[in-house]
Structure formats: C-alpha cells, structure tokens
Amino acid sequence: YERASNIQEYSRIAGKDMGDGPLL
C-alpha cells in the first residue's frame, strides 16, 4: 500500500506543469 501510493504521488508530481508545485 505505502510503496504503490508513494509512486502514485511521485507520478503526480512528475506530471505537474513546469513551475507548478515542488521540483521532482
């Protein structure tokens, strides 16, 4: 659960528009 959820969130961060949110 934790690992899959973490990588889900990494994917969301990596998919953000440039300049939006924290840098990956």
PDBML (XML) file of the C-alpha atoms, coordinates in Angstrom:
<?xml version="1.0" encoding="UTF-8" ?>
<PDBx:datablock datablockName="MODEL"
   xmlns:PDBx="http://pdbml.pdb.org/schema/pdbx-v50.xsd"
   xmlns:xsi="http://www.w3.org/2001/XMLSchema-instance"
   xsi:schemaLocation="http://pdbml.pdb.org/schema/pdbx-v50.xsd pdbx-v50.xsd">
   <PDBx:atom_siteCategory>
      <PDBx:atom_site id="1">
         <PDBx:B_iso_or_equiv>0.00</PDBx:B_iso_or_equiv>
         <PDBx:Cartn_x>0.000</PDBx:Cartn_x>
         <PDBx:Cartn_y>0.000</PDBx:Cartn_y>
         <PDBx:Cartn_z>0.000</PDBx:Cartn_z>
         <PDBx:auth_asym_id>A</PDBx:auth_asym_id>
         <PDBx:auth_atom_id>CA</PDBx:auth_atom_id>
         <PDBx:auth_comp_id>TYR</PDBx:auth_comp_id>
         <PDBx:auth_seq_id>1</PDBx:auth_seq_id>
         <PDBx:group_PDB>ATOM</PDBx:group_PDB>
         <PDBx:label_alt_id xsi:nil="true" />
         <PDBx:label_asym_id>A</PDBx:label_asym_id>
         <PDBx:label_atom_id>CA</PDBx:label_atom_id>
         <PDBx:label_comp_id>TYR</PDBx:label_comp_id>
         <PDBx:label_entity_id>1</PDBx:label_entity_id>
         <PDBx:label_seq_id>1</PDBx:label_seq_id>
         <PDBx:occupancy>1.00</PDBx:occupancy>
         <PDBx:pdbx_PDB_model_num>1</PDBx:pdbx_PDB_model_num>
         <PDBx:type_symbol>C</PDBx:type_symbol>
      </PDBx:atom_site>
      <PDBx:atom_site id="2">
         <PDBx:B_iso_or_equiv>0.00</PDBx:B_iso_or_equiv>
         <PDBx:Cartn_x>2.603</PDBx:Cartn_x>
         <PDBx:Cartn_y>2.556</PDBx:Cartn_y>
         <PDBx:Cartn_z>1.032</PDBx:Cartn_z>
         <PDBx:auth_asym_id>A</PDBx:auth_asym_id>
         <PDBx:auth_atom_id>CA</PDBx:auth_atom_id>
         <PDBx:auth_comp_id>GLU</PDBx:auth_comp_id>
         <PDBx:auth_seq_id>2</PDBx:auth_seq_id>
         <PDBx:group_PDB>ATOM</PDBx:group_PDB>
         <PDBx:label_alt_id xsi:nil="true" />
         <PDBx:label_asym_id>A</PDBx:label_asym_id>
         <PDBx:label_atom_id>CA</PDBx:label_atom_id>
         <PDBx:label_comp_id>GLU</PDBx:label_comp_id>
         <PDBx:label_entity_id>1</PDBx:label_entity_id>
         <PDBx:label_seq_id>2</PDBx:label_seq_id>
         <PDBx:occupancy>1.00</PDBx:occupancy>
         <PDBx:pdbx_PDB_model_num>1</PDBx:pdbx_PDB_model_num>
         <PDBx:type_symbol>C</PDBx:type_symbol>
      </PDBx:atom_site>
      <PDBx:atom_site id="3">
         <PDBx:B_iso_or_equiv>0.00</PDBx:B_iso_or_equiv>
         <PDBx:Cartn_x>5.005</PDBx:Cartn_x>
         <PDBx:Cartn_y>1.874</PDBx:Cartn_y>
         <PDBx:Cartn_z>-1.828</PDBx:Cartn_z>
         <PDBx:auth_asym_id>A</PDBx:auth_asym_id>
         <PDBx:auth_atom_id>CA</PDBx:auth_atom_id>
         <PDBx:auth_comp_id>ARG</PDBx:auth_comp_id>
         <PDBx:auth_seq_id>3</PDBx:auth_seq_id>
         <PDBx:group_PDB>ATOM</PDBx:group_PDB>
         <PDBx:label_alt_id xsi:nil="true" />
         <PDBx:label_asym_id>A</PDBx:label_asym_id>
         <PDBx:label_atom_id>CA</PDBx:label_atom_id>
         <PDBx:label_comp_id>ARG</PDBx:label_comp_id>
         <PDBx:label_entity_id>1</PDBx:label_entity_id>
         <PDBx:label_seq_id>3</PDBx:label_seq_id>
         <PDBx:occupancy>1.00</PDBx:occupancy>
         <PDBx:pdbx_PDB_model_num>1</PDBx:pdbx_PDB_model_num>
         <PDBx:type_symbol>C</PDBx:type_symbol>
      </PDBx:atom_site>
      <PDBx:atom_site id="4">
         <PDBx:B_iso_or_equiv>0.00</PDBx:B_iso_or_equiv>
         <PDBx:Cartn_x>2.347</PDBx:Cartn_x>
         <PDBx:Cartn_y>1.981</PDBx:Cartn_y>
         <PDBx:Cartn_z>-4.554</PDBx:Cartn_z>
         <PDBx:auth_asym_id>A</PDBx:auth_asym_id>
         <PDBx:auth_atom_id>CA</PDBx:auth_atom_id>
         <PDBx:auth_comp_id>ALA</PDBx:auth_comp_id>
         <PDBx:auth_seq_id>4</PDBx:auth_seq_id>
         <PDBx:group_PDB>ATOM</PDBx:group_PDB>
         <PDBx:label_alt_id xsi:nil="true" />
         <PDBx:label_asym_id>A</PDBx:label_asym_id>
         <PDBx:label_atom_id>CA</PDBx:label_atom_id>
         <PDBx:label_comp_id>ALA</PDBx:label_comp_id>
         <PDBx:label_entity_id>1</PDBx:label_entity_id>
         <PDBx:label_seq_id>4</PDBx:label_seq_id>
         <PDBx:occupancy>1.00</PDBx:occupancy>
         <PDBx:pdbx_PDB_model_num>1</PDBx:pdbx_PDB_model_num>
         <PDBx:type_symbol>C</PDBx:type_symbol>
      </PDBx:atom_site>
      <PDBx:atom_site id="5">
         <PDBx:B_iso_or_equiv>0.00</PDBx:B_iso_or_equiv>
         <PDBx:Cartn_x>0.774</PDBx:Cartn_x>
         <PDBx:Cartn_y>5.094</PDBx:Cartn_y>
         <PDBx:Cartn_z>-3.032</PDBx:Cartn_z>
         <PDBx:auth_asym_id>A</PDBx:auth_asym_id>
         <PDBx:auth_atom_id>CA</PDBx:auth_atom_id>
         <PDBx:auth_comp_id>SER</PDBx:auth_comp_id>
         <PDBx:auth_seq_id>5</PDBx:auth_seq_id>
         <PDBx:group_PDB>ATOM</PDBx:group_PDB>
         <PDBx:label_alt_id xsi:nil="true" />
         <PDBx:label_asym_id>A</PDBx:label_asym_id>
         <PDBx:label_atom_id>CA</PDBx:label_atom_id>
         <PDBx:label_comp_id>SER</PDBx:label_comp_id>
         <PDBx:label_entity_id>1</PDBx:label_entity_id>
         <PDBx:label_seq_id>5</PDBx:label_seq_id>
         <PDBx:occupancy>1.00</PDBx:occupancy>
         <PDBx:pdbx_PDB_model_num>1</PDBx:pdbx_PDB_model_num>
         <PDBx:type_symbol>C</PDBx:type_symbol>
      </PDBx:atom_site>
      <PDBx:atom_site id="6">
         <PDBx:B_iso_or_equiv>0.00</PDBx:B_iso_or_equiv>
         <PDBx:Cartn_x>4.157</PDBx:Cartn_x>
         <PDBx:Cartn_y>6.839</PDBx:Cartn_y>
         <PDBx:Cartn_z>-2.869</PDBx:Cartn_z>
         <PDBx:auth_asym_id>A</PDBx:auth_asym_id>
         <PDBx:auth_atom_id>CA</PDBx:auth_atom_id>
         <PDBx:auth_comp_id>ASN</PDBx:auth_comp_id>
         <PDBx:auth_seq_id>6</PDBx:auth_seq_id>
         <PDBx:group_PDB>ATOM</PDBx:group_PDB>
         <PDBx:label_alt_id xsi:nil="true" />
         <PDBx:label_asym_id>A</PDBx:label_asym_id>
         <PDBx:label_atom_id>CA</PDBx:label_atom_id>
         <PDBx:label_comp_id>ASN</PDBx:label_comp_id>
         <PDBx:label_entity_id>1</PDBx:label_entity_id>
         <PDBx:label_seq_id>6</PDBx:label_seq_id>
         <PDBx:occupancy>1.00</PDBx:occupancy>
         <PDBx:pdbx_PDB_model_num>1</PDBx:pdbx_PDB_model_num>
         <PDBx:type_symbol>C</PDBx:type_symbol>
      </PDBx:atom_site>
      <PDBx:atom_site id="7">
         <PDBx:B_iso_or_equiv>0.00</PDBx:B_iso_or_equiv>
         <PDBx:Cartn_x>4.937</PDBx:Cartn_x>
         <PDBx:Cartn_y>6.107</PDBx:Cartn_y>
         <PDBx:Cartn_z>-6.505</PDBx:Cartn_z>
         <PDBx:auth_asym_id>A</PDBx:auth_asym_id>
         <PDBx:auth_atom_id>CA</PDBx:auth_atom_id>
         <PDBx:auth_comp_id>ILE</PDBx:auth_comp_id>
         <PDBx:auth_seq_id>7</PDBx:auth_seq_id>
         <PDBx:group_PDB>ATOM</PDBx:group_PDB>
         <PDBx:label_alt_id xsi:nil="true" />
         <PDBx:label_asym_id>A</PDBx:label_asym_id>
         <PDBx:label_atom_id>CA</PDBx:label_atom_id>
         <PDBx:label_comp_id>ILE</PDBx:label_comp_id>
         <PDBx:label_entity_id>1</PDBx:label_entity_id>
         <PDBx:label_seq_id>7</PDBx:label_seq_id>
         <PDBx:occupancy>1.00</PDBx:occupancy>
         <PDBx:pdbx_PDB_model_num>1</PDBx:pdbx_PDB_model_num>
         <PDBx:type_symbol>C</PDBx:type_symbol>
      </PDBx:atom_site>
      <PDBx:atom_site id="8">
         <PDBx:B_iso_or_equiv>0.00</PDBx:B_iso_or_equiv>
         <PDBx:Cartn_x>1.440</PDBx:Cartn_x>
         <PDBx:Cartn_y>7.281</PDBx:Cartn_y>
         <PDBx:Cartn_z>-7.447</PDBx:Cartn_z>
         <PDBx:auth_asym_id>A</PDBx:auth_asym_id>
         <PDBx:auth_atom_id>CA</PDBx:auth_atom_id>
         <PDBx:auth_comp_id>GLN</PDBx:auth_comp_id>
         <PDBx:auth_seq_id>8</PDBx:auth_seq_id>
         <PDBx:group_PDB>ATOM</PDBx:group_PDB>
         <PDBx:label_alt_id xsi:nil="true" />
         <PDBx:label_asym_id>A</PDBx:label_asym_id>
         <PDBx:label_atom_id>CA</PDBx:label_atom_id>
         <PDBx:label_comp_id>GLN</PDBx:label_comp_id>
         <PDBx:label_entity_id>1</PDBx:label_entity_id>
         <PDBx:label_seq_id>8</PDBx:label_seq_id>
         <PDBx:occupancy>1.00</PDBx:occupancy>
         <PDBx:pdbx_PDB_model_num>1</PDBx:pdbx_PDB_model_num>
         <PDBx:type_symbol>C</PDBx:type_symbol>
      </PDBx:atom_site>
      <PDBx:atom_site id="9">
         <PDBx:B_iso_or_equiv>0.00</PDBx:B_iso_or_equiv>
         <PDBx:Cartn_x>2.241</PDBx:Cartn_x>
         <PDBx:Cartn_y>10.585</PDBx:Cartn_y>
         <PDBx:Cartn_z>-5.799</PDBx:Cartn_z>
         <PDBx:auth_asym_id>A</PDBx:auth_asym_id>
         <PDBx:auth_atom_id>CA</PDBx:auth_atom_id>
         <PDBx:auth_comp_id>GLU</PDBx:auth_comp_id>
         <PDBx:auth_seq_id>9</PDBx:auth_seq_id>
         <PDBx:group_PDB>ATOM</PDBx:group_PDB>
         <PDBx:label_alt_id xsi:nil="true" />
         <PDBx:label_asym_id>A</PDBx:label_asym_id>
         <PDBx:label_atom_id>CA</PDBx:label_atom_id>
         <PDBx:label_comp_id>GLU</PDBx:label_comp_id>
         <PDBx:label_entity_id>1</PDBx:label_entity_id>
         <PDBx:label_seq_id>9</PDBx:label_seq_id>
         <PDBx:occupancy>1.00</PDBx:occupancy>
         <PDBx:pdbx_PDB_model_num>1</PDBx:pdbx_PDB_model_num>
         <PDBx:type_symbol>C</PDBx:type_symbol>
      </PDBx:atom_site>
      <PDBx:atom_site id="10">
         <PDBx:B_iso_or_equiv>0.00</PDBx:B_iso_or_equiv>
         <PDBx:Cartn_x>5.664</PDBx:Cartn_x>
         <PDBx:Cartn_y>10.768</PDBx:Cartn_y>
         <PDBx:Cartn_z>-7.469</PDBx:Cartn_z>
         <PDBx:auth_asym_id>A</PDBx:auth_asym_id>
         <PDBx:auth_atom_id>CA</PDBx:auth_atom_id>
         <PDBx:auth_comp_id>TYR</PDBx:auth_comp_id>
         <PDBx:auth_seq_id>10</PDBx:auth_seq_id>
         <PDBx:group_PDB>ATOM</PDBx:group_PDB>
         <PDBx:label_alt_id xsi:nil="true" />
         <PDBx:label_asym_id>A</PDBx:label_asym_id>
         <PDBx:label_atom_id>CA</PDBx:label_atom_id>
         <PDBx:label_comp_id>TYR</PDBx:label_comp_id>
         <PDBx:label_entity_id>1</PDBx:label_entity_id>
         <PDBx:label_seq_id>10</PDBx:label_seq_id>
         <PDBx:occupancy>1.00</PDBx:occupancy>
         <PDBx:pdbx_PDB_model_num>1</PDBx:pdbx_PDB_model_num>
         <PDBx:type_symbol>C</PDBx:type_symbol>
      </PDBx:atom_site>
      <PDBx:atom_site id="11">
         <PDBx:B_iso_or_equiv>0.00</PDBx:B_iso_or_equiv>
         <PDBx:Cartn_x>3.904</PDBx:Cartn_x>
         <PDBx:Cartn_y>10.339</PDBx:Cartn_y>
         <PDBx:Cartn_z>-10.812</PDBx:Cartn_z>
         <PDBx:auth_asym_id>A</PDBx:auth_asym_id>
         <PDBx:auth_atom_id>CA</PDBx:auth_atom_id>
         <PDBx:auth_comp_id>SER</PDBx:auth_comp_id>
         <PDBx:auth_seq_id>11</PDBx:auth_seq_id>
         <PDBx:group_PDB>ATOM</PDBx:group_PDB>
         <PDBx:label_alt_id xsi:nil="true" />
         <PDBx:label_asym_id>A</PDBx:label_asym_id>
         <PDBx:label_atom_id>CA</PDBx:label_atom_id>
         <PDBx:label_comp_id>SER</PDBx:label_comp_id>
         <PDBx:label_entity_id>1</PDBx:label_entity_id>
         <PDBx:label_seq_id>11</PDBx:label_seq_id>
         <PDBx:occupancy>1.00</PDBx:occupancy>
         <PDBx:pdbx_PDB_model_num>1</PDBx:pdbx_PDB_model_num>
         <PDBx:type_symbol>C</PDBx:type_symbol>
      </PDBx:atom_site>
      <PDBx:atom_site id="12">
         <PDBx:B_iso_or_equiv>0.00</PDBx:B_iso_or_equiv>
         <PDBx:Cartn_x>1.529</PDBx:Cartn_x>
         <PDBx:Cartn_y>13.184</PDBx:Cartn_y>
         <PDBx:Cartn_z>-9.989</PDBx:Cartn_z>
         <PDBx:auth_asym_id>A</PDBx:auth_asym_id>
         <PDBx:auth_atom_id>CA</PDBx:auth_atom_id>
         <PDBx:auth_comp_id>ARG</PDBx:auth_comp_id>
         <PDBx:auth_seq_id>12</PDBx:auth_seq_id>
         <PDBx:group_PDB>ATOM</PDBx:group_PDB>
         <PDBx:label_alt_id xsi:nil="true" />
         <PDBx:label_asym_id>A</PDBx:label_asym_id>
         <PDBx:label_atom_id>CA</PDBx:label_atom_id>
         <PDBx:label_comp_id>ARG</PDBx:label_comp_id>
         <PDBx:label_entity_id>1</PDBx:label_entity_id>
         <PDBx:label_seq_id>12</PDBx:label_seq_id>
         <PDBx:occupancy>1.00</PDBx:occupancy>
         <PDBx:pdbx_PDB_model_num>1</PDBx:pdbx_PDB_model_num>
         <PDBx:type_symbol>C</PDBx:type_symbol>
      </PDBx:atom_site>
      <PDBx:atom_site id="13">
         <PDBx:B_iso_or_equiv>0.00</PDBx:B_iso_or_equiv>
         <PDBx:Cartn_x>4.436</PDBx:Cartn_x>
         <PDBx:Cartn_y>15.449</PDBx:Cartn_y>
         <PDBx:Cartn_z>-9.039</PDBx:Cartn_z>
         <PDBx:auth_asym_id>A</PDBx:auth_asym_id>
         <PDBx:auth_atom_id>CA</PDBx:auth_atom_id>
         <PDBx:auth_comp_id>ILE</PDBx:auth_comp_id>
         <PDBx:auth_seq_id>13</PDBx:auth_seq_id>
         <PDBx:group_PDB>ATOM</PDBx:group_PDB>
         <PDBx:label_alt_id xsi:nil="true" />
         <PDBx:label_asym_id>A</PDBx:label_asym_id>
         <PDBx:label_atom_id>CA</PDBx:label_atom_id>
         <PDBx:label_comp_id>ILE</PDBx:label_comp_id>
         <PDBx:label_entity_id>1</PDBx:label_entity_id>
         <PDBx:label_seq_id>13</PDBx:label_seq_id>
         <PDBx:occupancy>1.00</PDBx:occupancy>
         <PDBx:pdbx_PDB_model_num>1</PDBx:pdbx_PDB_model_num>
         <PDBx:type_symbol>C</PDBx:type_symbol>
      </PDBx:atom_site>
      <PDBx:atom_site id="14">
         <PDBx:B_iso_or_equiv>0.00</PDBx:B_iso_or_equiv>
         <PDBx:Cartn_x>6.383</PDBx:Cartn_x>
         <PDBx:Cartn_y>14.492</PDBx:Cartn_y>
         <PDBx:Cartn_z>-12.162</PDBx:Cartn_z>
         <PDBx:auth_asym_id>A</PDBx:auth_asym_id>
         <PDBx:auth_atom_id>CA</PDBx:auth_atom_id>
         <PDBx:auth_comp_id>ALA</PDBx:auth_comp_id>
         <PDBx:auth_seq_id>14</PDBx:auth_seq_id>
         <PDBx:group_PDB>ATOM</PDBx:group_PDB>
         <PDBx:label_alt_id xsi:nil="true" />
         <PDBx:label_asym_id>A</PDBx:label_asym_id>
         <PDBx:label_atom_id>CA</PDBx:label_atom_id>
         <PDBx:label_comp_id>ALA</PDBx:label_comp_id>
         <PDBx:label_entity_id>1</PDBx:label_entity_id>
         <PDBx:label_seq_id>14</PDBx:label_seq_id>
         <PDBx:occupancy>1.00</PDBx:occupancy>
         <PDBx:pdbx_PDB_model_num>1</PDBx:pdbx_PDB_model_num>
         <PDBx:type_symbol>C</PDBx:type_symbol>
      </PDBx:atom_site>
      <PDBx:atom_site id="15">
         <PDBx:B_iso_or_equiv>0.00</PDBx:B_iso_or_equiv>
         <PDBx:Cartn_x>3.335</PDBx:Cartn_x>
         <PDBx:Cartn_y>15.281</PDBx:Cartn_y>
         <PDBx:Cartn_z>-14.286</PDBx:Cartn_z>
         <PDBx:auth_asym_id>A</PDBx:auth_asym_id>
         <PDBx:auth_atom_id>CA</PDBx:auth_atom_id>
         <PDBx:auth_comp_id>GLY</PDBx:auth_comp_id>
         <PDBx:auth_seq_id>15</PDBx:auth_seq_id>
         <PDBx:group_PDB>ATOM</PDBx:group_PDB>
         <PDBx:label_alt_id xsi:nil="true" />
         <PDBx:label_asym_id>A</PDBx:label_asym_id>
         <PDBx:label_atom_id>CA</PDBx:label_atom_id>
         <PDBx:label_comp_id>GLY</PDBx:label_comp_id>
         <PDBx:label_entity_id>1</PDBx:label_entity_id>
         <PDBx:label_seq_id>15</PDBx:label_seq_id>
         <PDBx:occupancy>1.00</PDBx:occupancy>
         <PDBx:pdbx_PDB_model_num>1</PDBx:pdbx_PDB_model_num>
         <PDBx:type_symbol>C</PDBx:type_symbol>
      </PDBx:atom_site>
      <PDBx:atom_site id="16">
         <PDBx:B_iso_or_equiv>0.00</PDBx:B_iso_or_equiv>
         <PDBx:Cartn_x>2.793</PDBx:Cartn_x>
         <PDBx:Cartn_y>18.792</PDBx:Cartn_y>
         <PDBx:Cartn_z>-12.970</PDBx:Cartn_z>
         <PDBx:auth_asym_id>A</PDBx:auth_asym_id>
         <PDBx:auth_atom_id>CA</PDBx:auth_atom_id>
         <PDBx:auth_comp_id>LYS</PDBx:auth_comp_id>
         <PDBx:auth_seq_id>16</PDBx:auth_seq_id>
         <PDBx:group_PDB>ATOM</PDBx:group_PDB>
         <PDBx:label_alt_id xsi:nil="true" />
         <PDBx:label_asym_id>A</PDBx:label_asym_id>
         <PDBx:label_atom_id>CA</PDBx:label_atom_id>
         <PDBx:label_comp_id>LYS</PDBx:label_comp_id>
         <PDBx:label_entity_id>1</PDBx:label_entity_id>
         <PDBx:label_seq_id>16</PDBx:label_seq_id>
         <PDBx:occupancy>1.00</PDBx:occupancy>
         <PDBx:pdbx_PDB_model_num>1</PDBx:pdbx_PDB_model_num>
         <PDBx:type_symbol>C</PDBx:type_symbol>
      </PDBx:atom_site>
      <PDBx:atom_site id="17">
         <PDBx:B_iso_or_equiv>0.00</PDBx:B_iso_or_equiv>
         <PDBx:Cartn_x>3.250</PDBx:Cartn_x>
         <PDBx:Cartn_y>21.712</PDBx:Cartn_y>
         <PDBx:Cartn_z>-15.307</PDBx:Cartn_z>
         <PDBx:auth_asym_id>A</PDBx:auth_asym_id>
         <PDBx:auth_atom_id>CA</PDBx:auth_atom_id>
         <PDBx:auth_comp_id>ASP</PDBx:auth_comp_id>
         <PDBx:auth_seq_id>17</PDBx:auth_seq_id>
         <PDBx:group_PDB>ATOM</PDBx:group_PDB>
         <PDBx:label_alt_id xsi:nil="true" />
         <PDBx:label_asym_id>A</PDBx:label_asym_id>
         <PDBx:label_atom_id>CA</PDBx:label_atom_id>
         <PDBx:label_comp_id>ASP</PDBx:label_comp_id>
         <PDBx:label_entity_id>1</PDBx:label_entity_id>
         <PDBx:label_seq_id>17</PDBx:label_seq_id>
         <PDBx:occupancy>1.00</PDBx:occupancy>
         <PDBx:pdbx_PDB_model_num>1</PDBx:pdbx_PDB_model_num>
         <PDBx:type_symbol>C</PDBx:type_symbol>
      </PDBx:atom_site>
      <PDBx:atom_site id="18">
         <PDBx:B_iso_or_equiv>0.00</PDBx:B_iso_or_equiv>
         <PDBx:Cartn_x>6.665</PDBx:Cartn_x>
         <PDBx:Cartn_y>23.338</PDBx:Cartn_y>
         <PDBx:Cartn_z>-15.177</PDBx:Cartn_z>
         <PDBx:auth_asym_id>A</PDBx:auth_asym_id>
         <PDBx:auth_atom_id>CA</PDBx:auth_atom_id>
         <PDBx:auth_comp_id>MET</PDBx:auth_comp_id>
         <PDBx:auth_seq_id>18</PDBx:auth_seq_id>
         <PDBx:group_PDB>ATOM</PDBx:group_PDB>
         <PDBx:label_alt_id xsi:nil="true" />
         <PDBx:label_asym_id>A</PDBx:label_asym_id>
         <PDBx:label_atom_id>CA</PDBx:label_atom_id>
         <PDBx:label_comp_id>MET</PDBx:label_comp_id>
         <PDBx:label_entity_id>1</PDBx:label_entity_id>
         <PDBx:label_seq_id>18</PDBx:label_seq_id>
         <PDBx:occupancy>1.00</PDBx:occupancy>
         <PDBx:pdbx_PDB_model_num>1</PDBx:pdbx_PDB_model_num>
         <PDBx:type_symbol>C</PDBx:type_symbol>
      </PDBx:atom_site>
      <PDBx:atom_site id="19">
         <PDBx:B_iso_or_equiv>0.00</PDBx:B_iso_or_equiv>
         <PDBx:Cartn_x>6.675</PDBx:Cartn_x>
         <PDBx:Cartn_y>25.960</PDBx:Cartn_y>
         <PDBx:Cartn_z>-12.444</PDBx:Cartn_z>
         <PDBx:auth_asym_id>A</PDBx:auth_asym_id>
         <PDBx:auth_atom_id>CA</PDBx:auth_atom_id>
         <PDBx:auth_comp_id>GLY</PDBx:auth_comp_id>
         <PDBx:auth_seq_id>19</PDBx:auth_seq_id>
         <PDBx:group_PDB>ATOM</PDBx:group_PDB>
         <PDBx:label_alt_id xsi:nil="true" />
         <PDBx:label_asym_id>A</PDBx:label_asym_id>
         <PDBx:label_atom_id>CA</PDBx:label_atom_id>
         <PDBx:label_comp_id>GLY</PDBx:label_comp_id>
         <PDBx:label_entity_id>1</PDBx:label_entity_id>
         <PDBx:label_seq_id>19</PDBx:label_seq_id>
         <PDBx:occupancy>1.00</PDBx:occupancy>
         <PDBx:pdbx_PDB_model_num>1</PDBx:pdbx_PDB_model_num>
         <PDBx:type_symbol>C</PDBx:type_symbol>
      </PDBx:atom_site>
      <PDBx:atom_site id="20">
         <PDBx:B_iso_or_equiv>0.00</PDBx:B_iso_or_equiv>
         <PDBx:Cartn_x>3.752</PDBx:Cartn_x>
         <PDBx:Cartn_y>24.382</PDBx:Cartn_y>
         <PDBx:Cartn_z>-10.591</PDBx:Cartn_z>
         <PDBx:auth_asym_id>A</PDBx:auth_asym_id>
         <PDBx:auth_atom_id>CA</PDBx:auth_atom_id>
         <PDBx:auth_comp_id>ASP</PDBx:auth_comp_id>
         <PDBx:auth_seq_id>20</PDBx:auth_seq_id>
         <PDBx:group_PDB>ATOM</PDBx:group_PDB>
         <PDBx:label_alt_id xsi:nil="true" />
         <PDBx:label_asym_id>A</PDBx:label_asym_id>
         <PDBx:label_atom_id>CA</PDBx:label_atom_id>
         <PDBx:label_comp_id>ASP</PDBx:label_comp_id>
         <PDBx:label_entity_id>1</PDBx:label_entity_id>
         <PDBx:label_seq_id>20</PDBx:label_seq_id>
         <PDBx:occupancy>1.00</PDBx:occupancy>
         <PDBx:pdbx_PDB_model_num>1</PDBx:pdbx_PDB_model_num>
         <PDBx:type_symbol>C</PDBx:type_symbol>
      </PDBx:atom_site>
      <PDBx:atom_site id="21">
         <PDBx:B_iso_or_equiv>0.00</PDBx:B_iso_or_equiv>
         <PDBx:Cartn_x>4.438</PDBx:Cartn_x>
         <PDBx:Cartn_y>22.692</PDBx:Cartn_y>
         <PDBx:Cartn_z>-7.267</PDBx:Cartn_z>
         <PDBx:auth_asym_id>A</PDBx:auth_asym_id>
         <PDBx:auth_atom_id>CA</PDBx:auth_atom_id>
         <PDBx:auth_comp_id>GLY</PDBx:auth_comp_id>
         <PDBx:auth_seq_id>21</PDBx:auth_seq_id>
         <PDBx:group_PDB>ATOM</PDBx:group_PDB>
         <PDBx:label_alt_id xsi:nil="true" />
         <PDBx:label_asym_id>A</PDBx:label_asym_id>
         <PDBx:label_atom_id>CA</PDBx:label_atom_id>
         <PDBx:label_comp_id>GLY</PDBx:label_comp_id>
         <PDBx:label_entity_id>1</PDBx:label_entity_id>
         <PDBx:label_seq_id>21</PDBx:label_seq_id>
         <PDBx:occupancy>1.00</PDBx:occupancy>
         <PDBx:pdbx_PDB_model_num>1</PDBx:pdbx_PDB_model_num>
         <PDBx:type_symbol>C</PDBx:type_symbol>
      </PDBx:atom_site>
      <PDBx:atom_site id="22">
         <PDBx:B_iso_or_equiv>0.00</PDBx:B_iso_or_equiv>
         <PDBx:Cartn_x>7.728</PDBx:Cartn_x>
         <PDBx:Cartn_y>21.372</PDBx:Cartn_y>
         <PDBx:Cartn_z>-5.880</PDBx:Cartn_z>
         <PDBx:auth_asym_id>A</PDBx:auth_asym_id>
         <PDBx:auth_atom_id>CA</PDBx:auth_atom_id>
         <PDBx:auth_comp_id>PRO</PDBx:auth_comp_id>
         <PDBx:auth_seq_id>22</PDBx:auth_seq_id>
         <PDBx:group_PDB>ATOM</PDBx:group_PDB>
         <PDBx:label_alt_id xsi:nil="true" />
         <PDBx:label_asym_id>A</PDBx:label_asym_id>
         <PDBx:label_atom_id>CA</PDBx:label_atom_id>
         <PDBx:label_comp_id>PRO</PDBx:label_comp_id>
         <PDBx:label_entity_id>1</PDBx:label_entity_id>
         <PDBx:label_seq_id>22</PDBx:label_seq_id>
         <PDBx:occupancy>1.00</PDBx:occupancy>
         <PDBx:pdbx_PDB_model_num>1</PDBx:pdbx_PDB_model_num>
         <PDBx:type_symbol>C</PDBx:type_symbol>
      </PDBx:atom_site>
      <PDBx:atom_site id="23">
         <PDBx:B_iso_or_equiv>0.00</PDBx:B_iso_or_equiv>
         <PDBx:Cartn_x>10.531</PDBx:Cartn_x>
         <PDBx:Cartn_y>20.243</PDBx:Cartn_y>
         <PDBx:Cartn_z>-8.152</PDBx:Cartn_z>
         <PDBx:auth_asym_id>A</PDBx:auth_asym_id>
         <PDBx:auth_atom_id>CA</PDBx:auth_atom_id>
         <PDBx:auth_comp_id>LEU</PDBx:auth_comp_id>
         <PDBx:auth_seq_id>23</PDBx:auth_seq_id>
         <PDBx:group_PDB>ATOM</PDBx:group_PDB>
         <PDBx:label_alt_id xsi:nil="true" />
         <PDBx:label_asym_id>A</PDBx:label_asym_id>
         <PDBx:label_atom_id>CA</PDBx:label_atom_id>
         <PDBx:label_comp_id>LEU</PDBx:label_comp_id>
         <PDBx:label_entity_id>1</PDBx:label_entity_id>
         <PDBx:label_seq_id>23</PDBx:label_seq_id>
         <PDBx:occupancy>1.00</PDBx:occupancy>
         <PDBx:pdbx_PDB_model_num>1</PDBx:pdbx_PDB_model_num>
         <PDBx:type_symbol>C</PDBx:type_symbol>
      </PDBx:atom_site>
      <PDBx:atom_site id="24">
         <PDBx:B_iso_or_equiv>0.00</PDBx:B_iso_or_equiv>
         <PDBx:Cartn_x>10.845</PDBx:Cartn_x>
         <PDBx:Cartn_y>16.494</PDBx:Cartn_y>
         <PDBx:Cartn_z>-8.513</PDBx:Cartn_z>
         <PDBx:auth_asym_id>A</PDBx:auth_asym_id>
         <PDBx:auth_atom_id>CA</PDBx:auth_atom_id>
         <PDBx:auth_comp_id>LEU</PDBx:auth_comp_id>
         <PDBx:auth_seq_id>24</PDBx:auth_seq_id>
         <PDBx:group_PDB>ATOM</PDBx:group_PDB>
         <PDBx:label_alt_id xsi:nil="true" />
         <PDBx:label_asym_id>A</PDBx:label_asym_id>
         <PDBx:label_atom_id>CA</PDBx:label_atom_id>
         <PDBx:label_comp_id>LEU</PDBx:label_comp_id>
         <PDBx:label_entity_id>1</PDBx:label_entity_id>
         <PDBx:label_seq_id>24</PDBx:label_seq_id>
         <PDBx:occupancy>1.00</PDBx:occupancy>
         <PDBx:pdbx_PDB_model_num>1</PDBx:pdbx_PDB_model_num>
         <PDBx:type_symbol>C</PDBx:type_symbol>
      </PDBx:atom_site>
   </PDBx:atom_siteCategory>
</PDBx:datablock>
